[in-house]
Amino acid sequence: MYQRYRALFSLKGLGTPEAVDLIIQALEKENESELFKHELAYCLGQLQDERAISTLKGLVSDSSEFVMVRHEAAESL
């Protein structure tokens, strides 16, 4: 798990369009842990890329999503 967090924050540090795409892809996986999805949403918000808006809005409106993830997605918007 440590490697995944390290990779995520490395992608955030890069801040490239490709990094944003990879973070969005990871967020769309259903089998991610609540905490990791929270961090993915946080990183997307920090990158302030307009392409992330629809993904973050989708998380906020998805009532089956973890509450912590929905909250972070809302904060990230």
C-alpha atoms as a PDB file:
ATOM      1  CA  MET A   1       0.000   0.000   0.000  1.00  0.00           C
ATOM      2  CA  TYR A   2       2.900   2.355   0.758  1.00  0.00           C
ATOM      3  CA  GLN A   3       4.031   2.137  -2.871  1.00  0.00           C
ATOM      4  CA  ARG A   4       0.590   3.156  -4.100  1.00  0.00           C
ATOM      5  CA  TYR A   5       0.535   6.265  -1.910  1.00  0.00           C
ATOM      6  CA  ARG A   6       4.055   7.126  -2.979  1.00  0.00           C
ATOM      7  CA  ALA A   7       3.082   6.741  -6.643  1.00  0.00           C
ATOM      8  CA  LEU A   8      -0.037   8.865  -6.118  1.00  0.00           C
ATOM      9  CA  PHE A   9       1.850  11.736  -4.536  1.00  0.00           C
ATOM     10  CA  SER A  10       4.539  11.467  -7.212  1.00  0.00           C
ATOM     11  CA  LEU A  11       1.818  11.865  -9.844  1.00  0.00           C
ATOM     12  CA  LYS A  12       0.454  14.845  -7.935  1.00  0.00           C
ATOM     13  CA  GLY A  13       3.943  16.331  -7.921  1.00  0.00           C
ATOM     14  CA  LEU A  14       4.242  15.926 -11.670  1.00  0.00           C
ATOM     15  CA  GLY A  15       0.941  17.682 -12.263  1.00  0.00           C
ATOM     16  CA  THR A  16       0.846  16.703 -15.927  1.00  0.00           C
ATOM     17  CA  PRO A  17      -2.324  15.972 -17.903  1.00  0.00           C
ATOM     18  CA  GLU A  18      -1.258  12.318 -17.985  1.00  0.00           C
ATOM     19  CA  ALA A  19      -0.954  12.293 -14.191  1.00  0.00           C
ATOM     20  CA  VAL A  20      -4.466  13.721 -13.872  1.00  0.00           C
ATOM     21  CA  ASP A  21      -5.790  11.029 -16.217  1.00  0.00           C
ATOM     22  CA  LEU A  22      -4.155   8.263 -14.169  1.00  0.00           C
ATOM     23  CA  ILE A  23      -5.577   9.611 -10.911  1.00  0.00           C
ATOM     24  CA  ILE A  24      -9.049   9.832 -12.461  1.00  0.00           C
ATOM     25  CA  GLN A  25      -8.745   6.239 -13.717  1.00  0.00           C
ATOM     26  CA  ALA A  26      -7.794   5.049 -10.231  1.00  0.00           C
ATOM     27  CA  LEU A  27     -10.764   6.895  -8.711  1.00  0.00           C
ATOM     28  CA  GLU A  28     -13.139   5.175 -11.100  1.00  0.00           C
ATOM     29  CA  LYS A  29     -12.115   1.706  -9.882  1.00  0.00           C
ATOM     30  CA  GLU A  30     -14.725   0.213  -7.599  1.00  0.00           C
ATOM     31  CA  ASN A  31     -12.371  -1.949  -5.549  1.00  0.00           C
ATOM     32  CA  GLU A  32     -10.208   0.845  -4.104  1.00  0.00           C
ATOM     33  CA  SER A  33     -10.146   1.373  -0.346  1.00  0.00           C
ATOM     34  CA  GLU A  34     -12.042   4.247   1.227  1.00  0.00           C
ATOM     35  CA  LEU A  35      -8.872   5.909   2.466  1.00  0.00           C
ATOM     36  CA  PHE A  36      -7.049   5.603  -0.871  1.00  0.00           C
ATOM     37  CA  LYS A  37     -10.033   7.018  -2.770  1.00  0.00           C
ATOM     38  CA  HIS A  38     -10.096   9.906  -0.286  1.00  0.00           C
ATOM     39  CA  GLU A  39      -6.448  10.634  -1.080  1.00  0.00           C
ATOM     40  CA  LEU A  40      -7.092  10.339  -4.823  1.00  0.00           C
ATOM     41  CA  ALA A  41      -9.871  12.932  -4.558  1.00  0.00           C
ATOM     42  CA  TYR A  42      -7.622  15.166  -2.468  1.00  0.00           C
ATOM     43  CA  CYS A  43      -4.843  15.028  -5.058  1.00  0.00           C
ATOM     44  CA  LEU A  44      -7.242  15.805  -7.882  1.00  0.00           C
ATOM     45  CA  GLY A  45      -8.404  18.873  -6.019  1.00  0.00           C
ATOM     46  CA  GLN A  46      -4.849  20.011  -5.419  1.00  0.00           C
ATOM     47  CA  LEU A  47      -4.051  19.733  -9.128  1.00  0.00           C
ATOM     48  CA  GLN A  48      -6.922  22.099 -10.009  1.00  0.00           C
ATOM     49  CA  ASP A  49      -7.406  20.574 -13.451  1.00  0.00           C
ATOM     50  CA  GLU A  50     -10.764  21.291 -15.076  1.00  0.00           C
ATOM     51  CA  ARG A  51     -10.948  17.736 -16.442  1.00  0.00           C
ATOM     52  CA  ALA A  52     -11.339  16.462 -12.883  1.00  0.00           C
ATOM     53  CA  ILE A  53     -14.540  18.416 -12.231  1.00  0.00           C
ATOM     54  CA  SER A  54     -16.952  15.889 -13.731  1.00  0.00           C
ATOM     55  CA  THR A  55     -15.288  13.006 -11.866  1.00  0.00           C
ATOM     56  CA  LEU A  56     -15.415  14.880  -8.561  1.00  0.00           C
ATOM     57  CA  LYS A  57     -19.039  15.918  -9.101  1.00  0.00           C
ATOM     58  CA  GLY A  58     -19.885  12.308  -9.860  1.00  0.00           C
ATOM     59  CA  LEU A  59     -18.353  11.203  -6.566  1.00  0.00           C
ATOM     60  CA  VAL A  60     -20.276  13.842  -4.622  1.00  0.00           C
ATOM     61  CA  SER A  61     -23.602  12.807  -6.121  1.00  0.00           C
ATOM     62  CA  ASP A  62     -23.037   9.038  -5.792  1.00  0.00           C
ATOM     63  CA  SER A  63     -24.919   8.027  -2.638  1.00  0.00           C
ATOM     64  CA  SER A  64     -23.303   4.577  -2.719  1.00  0.00           C
ATOM     65  CA  GLU A  65     -19.823   6.110  -2.450  1.00  0.00           C
ATOM     66  CA  PHE A  66     -18.008   6.256   0.890  1.00  0.00           C
ATOM     67  CA  VAL A  67     -19.003   9.358   2.877  1.00  0.00           C
ATOM     68  CA  MET A  68     -15.367  10.290   3.455  1.00  0.00           C
ATOM     69  CA  VAL A  69     -14.702  10.137  -0.301  1.00  0.00           C
ATOM     70  CA  ARG A  70     -17.787  12.205  -1.107  1.00  0.00           C
ATOM     71  CA  HIS A  71     -16.753  14.812   1.442  1.00  0.00           C
ATOM     72  CA  GLU A  72     -13.225  15.098   0.044  1.00  0.00           C
ATOM     73  CA  ALA A  73     -14.552  15.310  -3.511  1.00  0.00           C
ATOM     74  CA  ALA A  74     -16.801  18.194  -2.432  1.00  0.00           C
ATOM     75  CA  GLU A  75     -13.874  19.923  -0.727  1.00  0.00           C
ATOM     76  CA  SER A  76     -11.777  19.424  -3.855  1.00  0.00           C
ATOM     77  CA  LEU A  77     -14.310  21.211  -6.022  1.00  0.00           C
END
